[in-house]
Amino acid sequence: LDEPNFDQNFFYLNKLDVLGYWKDHYDRYPILSQMAYDVLTIPITTIVSESLFSL
């Protein structure tokens, strides 16, 4: 197979708004849109988990 012809800077240069995409396409893909929202809005932090395990 050939290497995919893909510009690696596409998303960076176009400032792709993934949540905005799924919001705009909610009517067509309601289940996928909800799944994307659930996954993409998970807080990226370890402070809560670290405080639970500290003594």
PDB file of N, CA and C in Angstrom:
ATOM      1  N   LEU A   1       0.835  -1.193   0.000  1.00  0.00           N
ATOM      2  CA  LEU A   1       0.000   0.000   0.000  1.00  0.00           C
ATOM      3  C   LEU A   1       0.874   1.248   0.000  1.00  0.00           C
ATOM      4  N   ASP A   2       0.395   2.244  -0.683  1.00  0.00           N
ATOM      5  CA  ASP A   2       1.096   3.523  -0.699  1.00  0.00           C
ATOM      6  C   ASP A   2       0.826   4.286   0.588  1.00  0.00           C
ATOM      7  N   GLU A   3       1.750   5.159   0.907  1.00  0.00           N
ATOM      8  CA  GLU A   3       1.547   6.036   2.060  1.00  0.00           C
ATOM      9  C   GLU A   3       0.366   6.957   1.774  1.00  0.00           C
ATOM     10  N   PRO A   4      -0.464   7.241   2.766  1.00  0.00           N
ATOM     11  CA  PRO A   4      -1.589   8.153   2.535  1.00  0.00           C
ATOM     12  C   PRO A   4      -1.078   9.556   2.205  1.00  0.00           C
ATOM     13  N   ASN A   5      -1.748  10.200   1.291  1.00  0.00           N
ATOM     14  CA  ASN A   5      -1.400  11.559   0.912  1.00  0.00           C
ATOM     15  C   ASN A   5      -2.162  12.506   1.835  1.00  0.00           C
ATOM     16  N   PHE A   6      -1.554  12.840   2.950  1.00  0.00           N
ATOM     17  CA  PHE A   6      -2.239  13.601   3.994  1.00  0.00           C
ATOM     18  C   PHE A   6      -1.316  14.685   4.516  1.00  0.00           C
ATOM     19  N   ASP A   7      -1.818  15.889   4.551  1.00  0.00           N
ATOM     20  CA  ASP A   7      -1.039  17.005   5.080  1.00  0.00           C
ATOM     21  C   ASP A   7      -1.152  16.985   6.601  1.00  0.00           C
ATOM     22  N   GLN A   8      -0.055  16.713   7.273  1.00  0.00           N
ATOM     23  CA  GLN A   8      -0.076  16.584   8.728  1.00  0.00           C
ATOM     24  C   GLN A   8      -0.396  17.895   9.427  1.00  0.00           C
ATOM     25  N   ASN A   9      -0.208  19.010   8.769  1.00  0.00           N
ATOM     26  CA  ASN A   9      -0.489  20.311   9.379  1.00  0.00           C
ATOM     27  C   ASN A   9      -1.913  20.784   9.115  1.00  0.00           C
ATOM     28  N   PHE A  10      -2.719  19.973   8.428  1.00  0.00           N
ATOM     29  CA  PHE A  10      -4.069  20.391   8.061  1.00  0.00           C
ATOM     30  C   PHE A  10      -4.890  20.814   9.264  1.00  0.00           C
ATOM     31  N   PHE A  11      -4.937  19.974  10.282  1.00  0.00           N
ATOM     32  CA  PHE A  11      -5.768  20.268  11.442  1.00  0.00           C
ATOM     33  C   PHE A  11      -5.226  21.447  12.229  1.00  0.00           C
ATOM     34  N   TYR A  12      -3.915  21.547  12.324  1.00  0.00           N
ATOM     35  CA  TYR A  12      -3.307  22.657  13.055  1.00  0.00           C
ATOM     36  C   TYR A  12      -3.558  23.975  12.334  1.00  0.00           C
ATOM     37  N   LEU A  13      -3.344  23.994  11.037  1.00  0.00           N
ATOM     38  CA  LEU A  13      -3.488  25.234  10.279  1.00  0.00           C
ATOM     39  C   LEU A  13      -4.939  25.680  10.170  1.00  0.00           C
ATOM     40  N   ASN A  14      -5.864  24.739  10.103  1.00  0.00           N
ATOM     41  CA  ASN A  14      -7.276  25.077   9.953  1.00  0.00           C
ATOM     42  C   ASN A  14      -8.002  25.171  11.288  1.00  0.00           C
ATOM     43  N   LYS A  15      -7.282  24.944  12.379  1.00  0.00           N
ATOM     44  CA  LYS A  15      -7.853  25.038  13.722  1.00  0.00           C
ATOM     45  C   LYS A  15      -9.194  24.295  13.798  1.00  0.00           C
ATOM     46  N   LEU A  16      -9.122  23.024  13.489  1.00  0.00           N
ATOM     47  CA  LEU A  16     -10.306  22.183  13.457  1.00  0.00           C
ATOM     48  C   LEU A  16     -10.989  22.174  14.817  1.00  0.00           C
ATOM     49  N   ASP A  17     -12.263  22.472  14.829  1.00  0.00           N
ATOM     50  CA  ASP A  17     -13.066  22.469  16.046  1.00  0.00           C
ATOM     51  C   ASP A  17     -13.885  21.180  16.051  1.00  0.00           C
ATOM     52  N   VAL A  18     -13.368  20.162  16.714  1.00  0.00           N
ATOM     53  CA  VAL A  18     -14.006  18.847  16.684  1.00  0.00           C
ATOM     54  C   VAL A  18     -15.376  18.887  17.344  1.00  0.00           C
ATOM     55  N   LEU A  19     -15.486  19.532  18.497  1.00  0.00           N
ATOM     56  CA  LEU A  19     -16.795  19.617  19.156  1.00  0.00           C
ATOM     57  C   LEU A  19     -17.786  20.404  18.300  1.00  0.00           C
ATOM     58  N   GLY A  20     -17.308  21.436  17.646  1.00  0.00           N
ATOM     59  CA  GLY A  20     -18.170  22.214  16.749  1.00  0.00           C
ATOM     60  C   GLY A  20     -18.674  21.379  15.580  1.00  0.00           C
ATOM     61  N   TYR A  21     -17.799  20.524  15.057  1.00  0.00           N
ATOM     62  CA  TYR A  21     -18.196  19.639  13.960  1.00  0.00           C
ATOM     63  C   TYR A  21     -19.356  18.748  14.389  1.00  0.00           C
ATOM     64  N   TRP A  22     -19.218  18.114  15.553  1.00  0.00           N
ATOM     65  CA  TRP A  22     -20.257  17.196  16.000  1.00  0.00           C
ATOM     66  C   TRP A  22     -21.526  17.935  16.386  1.00  0.00           C
ATOM     67  N   LYS A  23     -21.398  19.159  16.870  1.00  0.00           N
ATOM     68  CA  LYS A  23     -22.582  19.973  17.166  1.00  0.00           C
ATOM     69  C   LYS A  23     -23.325  20.299  15.872  1.00  0.00           C
ATOM     70  N   ASP A  24     -22.581  20.654  14.833  1.00  0.00           N
ATOM     71  CA  ASP A  24     -23.192  20.978  13.541  1.00  0.00           C
ATOM     72  C   ASP A  24     -23.840  19.768  12.883  1.00  0.00           C
ATOM     73  N   HIS A  25     -23.342  18.574  13.163  1.00  0.00           N
ATOM     74  CA  HIS A  25     -23.849  17.361  12.525  1.00  0.00           C
ATOM     75  C   HIS A  25     -24.718  16.515  13.462  1.00  0.00           C
ATOM     76  N   TYR A  26     -25.209  17.132  14.537  1.00  0.00           N
ATOM     77  CA  TYR A  26     -26.020  16.396  15.514  1.00  0.00           C
ATOM     78  C   TYR A  26     -27.287  15.814  14.881  1.00  0.00           C
ATOM     79  N   ASP A  27     -27.937  16.586  14.002  1.00  0.00           N
ATOM     80  CA  ASP A  27     -29.181  16.107  13.392  1.00  0.00           C
ATOM     81  C   ASP A  27     -28.962  14.850  12.556  1.00  0.00           C
ATOM     82  N   ARG A  28     -27.809  14.766  11.921  1.00  0.00           N
ATOM     83  CA  ARG A  28     -27.534  13.615  11.063  1.00  0.00           C
ATOM     84  C   ARG A  28     -26.991  12.425  11.848  1.00  0.00           C
ATOM     85  N   TYR A  29     -26.155  12.707  12.862  1.00  0.00           N
ATOM     86  CA  TYR A  29     -25.519  11.650  13.652  1.00  0.00           C
ATOM     87  C   TYR A  29     -25.736  11.890  15.148  1.00  0.00           C
ATOM     88  N   PRO A  30     -26.950  11.767  15.649  1.00  0.00           N
ATOM     89  CA  PRO A  30     -27.195  12.115  17.055  1.00  0.00           C
ATOM     90  C   PRO A  30     -26.451  11.224  18.054  1.00  0.00           C
ATOM     91  N   ILE A  31     -26.363   9.943  17.792  1.00  0.00           N
ATOM     92  CA  ILE A  31     -25.696   9.038  18.735  1.00  0.00           C
ATOM     93  C   ILE A  31     -24.188   9.275  18.720  1.00  0.00           C
ATOM     94  N   LEU A  32     -23.599   9.366  17.524  1.00  0.00           N
ATOM     95  CA  LEU A  32     -22.163   9.633  17.434  1.00  0.00           C
ATOM     96  C   LEU A  32     -21.819  10.996  18.017  1.00  0.00           C
ATOM     97  N   SER A  33     -22.697  11.973  17.812  1.00  0.00           N
ATOM     98  CA  SER A  33     -22.450  13.304  18.365  1.00  0.00           C
ATOM     99  C   SER A  33     -22.418  13.261  19.885  1.00  0.00           C
ATOM    100  N   GLN A  34     -23.337  12.533  20.477  1.00  0.00           N
ATOM    101  CA  GLN A  34     -23.357  12.422  21.936  1.00  0.00           C
ATOM    102  C   GLN A  34     -22.131  11.676  22.440  1.00  0.00           C
ATOM    103  N   MET A  35     -21.736  10.622  21.728  1.00  0.00           N
ATOM    104  CA  MET A  35     -20.535   9.877  22.120  1.00  0.00           C
ATOM    105  C   MET A  35     -19.301  10.769  22.032  1.00  0.00           C
ATOM    106  N   ALA A  36     -19.193  11.546  20.962  1.00  0.00           N
ATOM    107  CA  ALA A  36     -18.049  12.447  20.802  1.00  0.00           C
ATOM    108  C   ALA A  36     -18.032  13.472  21.921  1.00  0.00           C
ATOM    109  N   TYR A  37     -19.187  14.014  22.275  1.00  0.00           N
ATOM    110  CA  TYR A  37     -19.261  14.984  23.362  1.00  0.00           C
ATOM    111  C   TYR A  37     -18.822  14.351  24.679  1.00  0.00           C
ATOM    112  N   ASP A  38     -19.295  13.131  24.945  1.00  0.00           N
ATOM    113  CA  ASP A  38     -18.935  12.442  26.192  1.00  0.00           C
ATOM    114  C   ASP A  38     -17.434  12.191  26.283  1.00  0.00           C
ATOM    115  N   VAL A  39     -16.831  11.774  25.182  1.00  0.00           N
ATOM    116  CA  VAL A  39     -15.405  11.435  25.190  1.00  0.00           C
ATOM    117  C   VAL A  39     -14.531  12.681  25.164  1.00  0.00           C
ATOM    118  N   LEU A  40     -14.892  13.644  24.341  1.00  0.00           N
ATOM    119  CA  LEU A  40     -14.028  14.812  24.141  1.00  0.00           C
ATOM    120  C   LEU A  40     -14.114  15.833  25.266  1.00  0.00           C
ATOM    121  N   THR A  41     -15.085  15.710  26.148  1.00  0.00           N
ATOM    122  CA  THR A  41     -15.202  16.669  27.250  1.00  0.00           C
ATOM    123  C   THR A  41     -14.747  16.089  28.583  1.00  0.00           C
ATOM    124  N   ILE A  42     -14.050  14.970  28.551  1.00  0.00           N
ATOM    125  CA  ILE A  42     -13.495  14.397  29.778  1.00  0.00           C
ATOM    126  C   ILE A  42     -12.371  15.306  30.256  1.00  0.00           C
ATOM    127  N   PRO A  43     -12.419  15.762  31.504  1.00  0.00           N
ATOM    128  CA  PRO A  43     -11.347  16.637  31.995  1.00  0.00           C
ATOM    129  C   PRO A  43      -9.992  15.926  31.963  1.00  0.00           C
ATOM    130  N   ILE A  44      -9.010  16.618  31.468  1.00  0.00           N
ATOM    131  CA  ILE A  44      -7.662  16.053  31.400  1.00  0.00           C
ATOM    132  C   ILE A  44      -6.880  16.596  32.585  1.00  0.00           C
ATOM    133  N   THR A  45      -6.968  15.894  33.695  1.00  0.00           N
ATOM    134  CA  THR A  45      -6.259  16.300  34.903  1.00  0.00           C
ATOM    135  C   THR A  45      -6.037  15.089  35.790  1.00  0.00           C
ATOM    136  N   THR A  46      -5.023  15.156  36.604  1.00  0.00           N
ATOM    137  CA  THR A  46      -4.761  14.074  37.547  1.00  0.00           C
ATOM    138  C   THR A  46      -4.865  14.568  38.978  1.00  0.00           C
ATOM    139  N   ILE A  47      -5.232  15.819  39.156  1.00  0.00           N
ATOM    140  CA  ILE A  47      -5.280  16.395  40.500  1.00  0.00           C
ATOM    141  C   ILE A  47      -6.307  15.677  41.369  1.00  0.00           C
ATOM    142  N   VAL A  48      -7.482  15.414  40.831  1.00  0.00           N
ATOM    143  CA  VAL A  48      -8.526  14.758  41.616  1.00  0.00           C
ATOM    144  C   VAL A  48      -8.084  13.360  42.017  1.00  0.00           C
ATOM    145  N   SER A  49      -7.575  12.585  41.060  1.00  0.00           N
ATOM    146  CA  SER A  49      -7.171  11.220  41.392  1.00  0.00           C
ATOM    147  C   SER A  49      -5.985  11.208  42.347  1.00  0.00           C
ATOM    148  N   GLU A  50      -5.069  12.155  42.221  1.00  0.00           N
ATOM    149  CA  GLU A  50      -3.930  12.205  43.135  1.00  0.00           C
ATOM    150  C   GLU A  50      -4.384  12.559  44.551  1.00  0.00           C
ATOM    151  N   SER A  51      -5.360  13.446  44.666  1.00  0.00           N
ATOM    152  CA  SER A  51      -5.819  13.822  46.002  1.00  0.00           C
ATOM    153  C   SER A  51      -6.584  12.687  46.671  1.00  0.00           C
ATOM    154  N   LEU A  52      -7.203  11.815  45.888  1.00  0.00           N
ATOM    155  CA  LEU A  52      -7.907  10.672  46.463  1.00  0.00           C
ATOM    156  C   LEU A  52      -6.944   9.674  47.090  1.00  0.00           C
ATOM    157  N   PHE A  53      -5.751   9.553  46.521  1.00  0.00           N
ATOM    158  CA  PHE A  53      -4.807   8.558  46.991  1.00  0.00           C
ATOM    159  C   PHE A  53      -3.764   9.108  47.956  1.00  0.00           C
ATOM    160  N   SER A  54      -3.765  10.403  48.189  1.00  0.00           N
ATOM    161  CA  SER A  54      -2.770  10.954  49.114  1.00  0.00           C
ATOM    162  C   SER A  54      -3.248  10.754  50.551  1.00  0.00           C
ATOM    163  N   LEU A  55      -2.316  10.533  51.425  1.00  0.00           N
ATOM    164  CA  LEU A  55      -2.663  10.291  52.831  1.00  0.00           C
ATOM    165  C   LEU A  55      -2.367  11.485  53.679  1.00  0.00           C
TER     166      LEU A  55
END
